[in-house]
Amino acid sequence: MNIVITMSKLVREWLARLNLLEMTTHEDRLEIDKEIEKRTGLYCDDAISMGLISEEEFIGIVRKVLHRRKKKLAVSY
């Protein structure tokens, strides 16, 4: 059985609109999805479409995820 992890369409759209898509990896985007779902208790696309995540909060989530990845990379060297 294959498990397919789907990524939020709206997260990709927001990242592209904010010129942040190229800064993120697929794994980063999955982490962003998870963080939104953790904060709202809803699927990330639903939370975004309902306005439960502001643009400012979204940017903060992206920064947090990118910072985490940077720390992981530093530790692995």
N, C-alpha and C. Protein backbone atom coordinates (compact mmCIF):
# COMPACT_ATOMS: atom_id res chain seq x y z
N MET A 1 0.84 -1.18 0.00
CA MET A 1 0.00 0.00 0.00
C MET A 1 0.89 1.25 0.00
N ASN A 2 0.65 2.13 -0.93
CA ASN A 2 1.39 3.39 -0.99
C ASN A 2 0.59 4.50 -0.32
N ILE A 3 1.26 5.25 0.52
CA ILE A 3 0.62 6.40 1.16
C ILE A 3 1.10 7.64 0.43
N VAL A 4 0.14 8.41 -0.06
CA VAL A 4 0.48 9.63 -0.78
C VAL A 4 0.21 10.81 0.14
N ILE A 5 1.23 11.63 0.33
CA ILE A 5 1.08 12.82 1.15
C ILE A 5 0.84 13.98 0.20
N THR A 6 -0.34 14.56 0.30
CA THR A 6 -0.67 15.66 -0.60
C THR A 6 -0.34 16.99 0.05
N MET A 7 0.11 17.87 -0.77
CA MET A 7 0.49 19.19 -0.31
C MET A 7 -0.64 20.17 -0.60
N SER A 8 -0.77 21.12 0.24
CA SER A 8 -1.78 22.14 0.10
C SER A 8 -1.58 22.96 -1.17
N LYS A 9 -2.65 23.10 -1.92
CA LYS A 9 -2.62 23.94 -3.12
C LYS A 9 -2.50 25.42 -2.72
N LEU A 10 -3.23 25.80 -1.68
CA LEU A 10 -3.20 27.21 -1.27
C LEU A 10 -1.86 27.62 -0.66
N VAL A 11 -1.20 26.71 0.03
CA VAL A 11 0.13 27.02 0.57
C VAL A 11 1.08 27.32 -0.59
N ARG A 12 1.04 26.49 -1.62
CA ARG A 12 1.89 26.74 -2.80
C ARG A 12 1.55 28.09 -3.44
N GLU A 13 0.26 28.38 -3.56
CA GLU A 13 -0.17 29.66 -4.16
C GLU A 13 0.31 30.85 -3.33
N TRP A 14 0.17 30.76 -2.02
CA TRP A 14 0.61 31.86 -1.15
C TRP A 14 2.13 32.03 -1.23
N LEU A 15 2.85 30.92 -1.22
CA LEU A 15 4.31 31.00 -1.32
C LEU A 15 4.71 31.66 -2.64
N ALA A 16 4.05 31.30 -3.72
CA ALA A 16 4.37 31.88 -5.03
C ALA A 16 4.03 33.37 -5.04
N ARG A 17 2.87 33.72 -4.52
CA ARG A 17 2.45 35.13 -4.51
C ARG A 17 3.40 35.99 -3.68
N LEU A 18 3.94 35.43 -2.62
CA LEU A 18 4.85 36.17 -1.73
C LEU A 18 6.33 36.01 -2.14
N ASN A 19 6.55 35.40 -3.31
CA ASN A 19 7.91 35.16 -3.81
C ASN A 19 8.77 34.34 -2.84
N LEU A 20 8.14 33.37 -2.20
CA LEU A 20 8.84 32.51 -1.24
C LEU A 20 8.92 31.07 -1.71
N LEU A 21 8.25 30.73 -2.80
CA LEU A 21 8.19 29.34 -3.25
C LEU A 21 9.57 28.78 -3.55
N GLU A 22 10.40 29.56 -4.23
CA GLU A 22 11.74 29.09 -4.61
C GLU A 22 12.65 28.88 -3.41
N MET A 23 12.31 29.48 -2.28
CA MET A 23 13.14 29.35 -1.07
C MET A 23 12.84 28.07 -0.31
N THR A 24 11.73 27.40 -0.66
CA THR A 24 11.29 26.24 0.09
C THR A 24 11.45 24.95 -0.70
N THR A 25 11.70 23.88 0.03
CA THR A 25 11.75 22.55 -0.56
C THR A 25 10.37 21.90 -0.39
N HIS A 26 10.21 20.76 -1.02
CA HIS A 26 8.96 20.00 -0.85
C HIS A 26 8.75 19.68 0.63
N GLU A 27 9.81 19.27 1.30
CA GLU A 27 9.71 18.94 2.73
C GLU A 27 9.32 20.16 3.56
N ASP A 28 9.88 21.32 3.22
CA ASP A 28 9.51 22.56 3.91
C ASP A 28 8.01 22.82 3.77
N ARG A 29 7.50 22.66 2.55
CA ARG A 29 6.09 22.92 2.30
C ARG A 29 5.19 21.96 3.07
N LEU A 30 5.62 20.71 3.19
CA LEU A 30 4.86 19.77 4.01
C LEU A 30 4.87 20.19 5.48
N GLU A 31 6.01 20.69 5.95
CA GLU A 31 6.10 21.18 7.33
C GLU A 31 5.22 22.41 7.54
N ILE A 32 5.16 23.29 6.55
CA ILE A 32 4.29 24.47 6.63
C ILE A 32 2.84 24.01 6.74
N ASP A 33 2.44 23.04 5.90
CA ASP A 33 1.09 22.48 5.97
C ASP A 33 0.79 21.96 7.38
N LYS A 34 1.72 21.17 7.92
CA LYS A 34 1.53 20.58 9.25
C LYS A 34 1.39 21.64 10.32
N GLU A 35 2.22 22.68 10.22
CA GLU A 35 2.17 23.76 11.23
C GLU A 35 0.83 24.48 11.19
N ILE A 36 0.32 24.75 10.00
CA ILE A 36 -0.99 25.40 9.88
C ILE A 36 -2.07 24.49 10.46
N GLU A 37 -2.01 23.20 10.15
CA GLU A 37 -3.00 22.26 10.67
C GLU A 37 -2.92 22.14 12.18
N LYS A 38 -1.69 22.18 12.72
CA LYS A 38 -1.51 22.12 14.18
C LYS A 38 -2.12 23.35 14.86
N ARG A 39 -1.91 24.51 14.26
CA ARG A 39 -2.40 25.75 14.87
C ARG A 39 -3.91 25.90 14.79
N THR A 40 -4.51 25.39 13.70
CA THR A 40 -5.93 25.63 13.48
C THR A 40 -6.82 24.41 13.75
N GLY A 41 -6.23 23.22 13.72
CA GLY A 41 -7.03 22.01 13.88
C GLY A 41 -7.79 21.63 12.62
N LEU A 42 -7.49 22.30 11.51
CA LEU A 42 -8.15 22.04 10.24
C LEU A 42 -7.13 21.75 9.16
N TYR A 43 -7.60 21.11 8.08
CA TYR A 43 -6.74 20.93 6.91
C TYR A 43 -6.27 22.32 6.46
N CYS A 44 -5.01 22.42 6.06
CA CYS A 44 -4.41 23.73 5.80
C CYS A 44 -5.14 24.54 4.74
N ASP A 45 -5.58 23.92 3.63
CA ASP A 45 -6.33 24.67 2.62
C ASP A 45 -7.61 25.25 3.20
N ASP A 46 -8.30 24.47 4.03
CA ASP A 46 -9.54 24.95 4.66
C ASP A 46 -9.25 26.13 5.59
N ALA A 47 -8.19 26.01 6.39
CA ALA A 47 -7.84 27.08 7.32
C ALA A 47 -7.51 28.38 6.57
N ILE A 48 -6.77 28.26 5.47
CA ILE A 48 -6.41 29.45 4.70
C ILE A 48 -7.65 30.05 4.04
N SER A 49 -8.46 29.20 3.42
CA SER A 49 -9.65 29.73 2.72
C SER A 49 -10.66 30.35 3.68
N MET A 50 -10.66 29.89 4.93
CA MET A 50 -11.57 30.46 5.94
C MET A 50 -10.99 31.72 6.58
N GLY A 51 -9.75 32.06 6.23
CA GLY A 51 -9.13 33.27 6.78
C GLY A 51 -8.61 33.08 8.19
N LEU A 52 -8.37 31.85 8.61
CA LEU A 52 -7.88 31.60 9.96
C LEU A 52 -6.38 31.85 10.10
N ILE A 53 -5.68 31.97 8.98
CA ILE A 53 -4.25 32.28 8.97
C ILE A 53 -4.07 33.58 8.21
N SER A 54 -3.52 34.58 8.87
CA SER A 54 -3.26 35.85 8.19
C SER A 54 -1.97 35.73 7.39
N GLU A 55 -1.78 36.67 6.49
CA GLU A 55 -0.55 36.69 5.70
C GLU A 55 0.67 36.83 6.61
N GLU A 56 0.55 37.67 7.60
CA GLU A 56 1.65 37.88 8.56
C GLU A 56 1.97 36.59 9.31
N GLU A 57 0.94 35.89 9.75
CA GLU A 57 1.16 34.62 10.47
C GLU A 57 1.76 33.58 9.52
N PHE A 58 1.31 33.55 8.27
CA PHE A 58 1.83 32.62 7.28
C PHE A 58 3.33 32.85 7.07
N ILE A 59 3.72 34.09 6.92
CA ILE A 59 5.14 34.42 6.73
C ILE A 59 5.93 33.98 7.96
N GLY A 60 5.38 34.17 9.15
CA GLY A 60 6.04 33.71 10.37
C GLY A 60 6.23 32.21 10.39
N ILE A 61 5.24 31.47 9.93
CA ILE A 61 5.34 30.01 9.86
C ILE A 61 6.44 29.61 8.89
N VAL A 62 6.48 30.26 7.73
CA VAL A 62 7.50 29.96 6.73
C VAL A 62 8.89 30.22 7.32
N ARG A 63 9.06 31.35 7.97
CA ARG A 63 10.36 31.68 8.58
C ARG A 63 10.76 30.63 9.61
N LYS A 64 9.80 30.21 10.43
CA LYS A 64 10.07 29.21 11.47
C LYS A 64 10.54 27.90 10.83
N VAL A 65 9.86 27.47 9.78
CA VAL A 65 10.22 26.21 9.11
C VAL A 65 11.60 26.33 8.46
N LEU A 66 11.86 27.45 7.79
CA LEU A 66 13.17 27.64 7.14
C LEU A 66 14.29 27.71 8.18
N HIS A 67 14.02 28.34 9.31
CA HIS A 67 15.02 28.43 10.38
C HIS A 67 15.34 27.04 10.93
N ARG A 68 14.29 26.22 11.11
CA ARG A 68 14.48 24.86 11.58
C ARG A 68 15.36 24.06 10.63
N ARG A 69 15.11 24.20 9.32
CA ARG A 69 15.91 23.48 8.32
C ARG A 69 17.36 23.95 8.37
N LYS A 70 17.56 25.25 8.52
CA LYS A 70 18.92 25.80 8.58
C LYS A 70 19.66 25.23 9.79
N LYS A 71 18.97 25.12 10.93
CA LYS A 71 19.59 24.55 12.13
C LYS A 71 19.93 23.08 11.93
N LYS A 72 19.05 22.32 11.26
CA LYS A 72 19.31 20.92 11.00
C LYS A 72 20.54 20.77 10.11
N LEU A 73 20.66 21.61 9.10
CA LEU A 73 21.80 21.54 8.21
C LEU A 73 23.10 21.86 8.95
N ALA A 74 23.05 22.83 9.85
CA ALA A 74 24.24 23.21 10.61
C ALA A 74 24.69 22.08 11.53
N VAL A 75 23.73 21.39 12.12
CA VAL A 75 24.05 20.31 13.05
C VAL A 75 24.65 19.11 12.29
N SER A 76 24.21 18.87 11.08
CA SER A 76 24.67 17.71 10.35
C SER A 76 26.09 17.85 9.81
N TYR A 77 26.66 19.04 9.90
CA TYR A 77 28.05 19.22 9.42
C TYR A 77 29.04 19.12 10.52
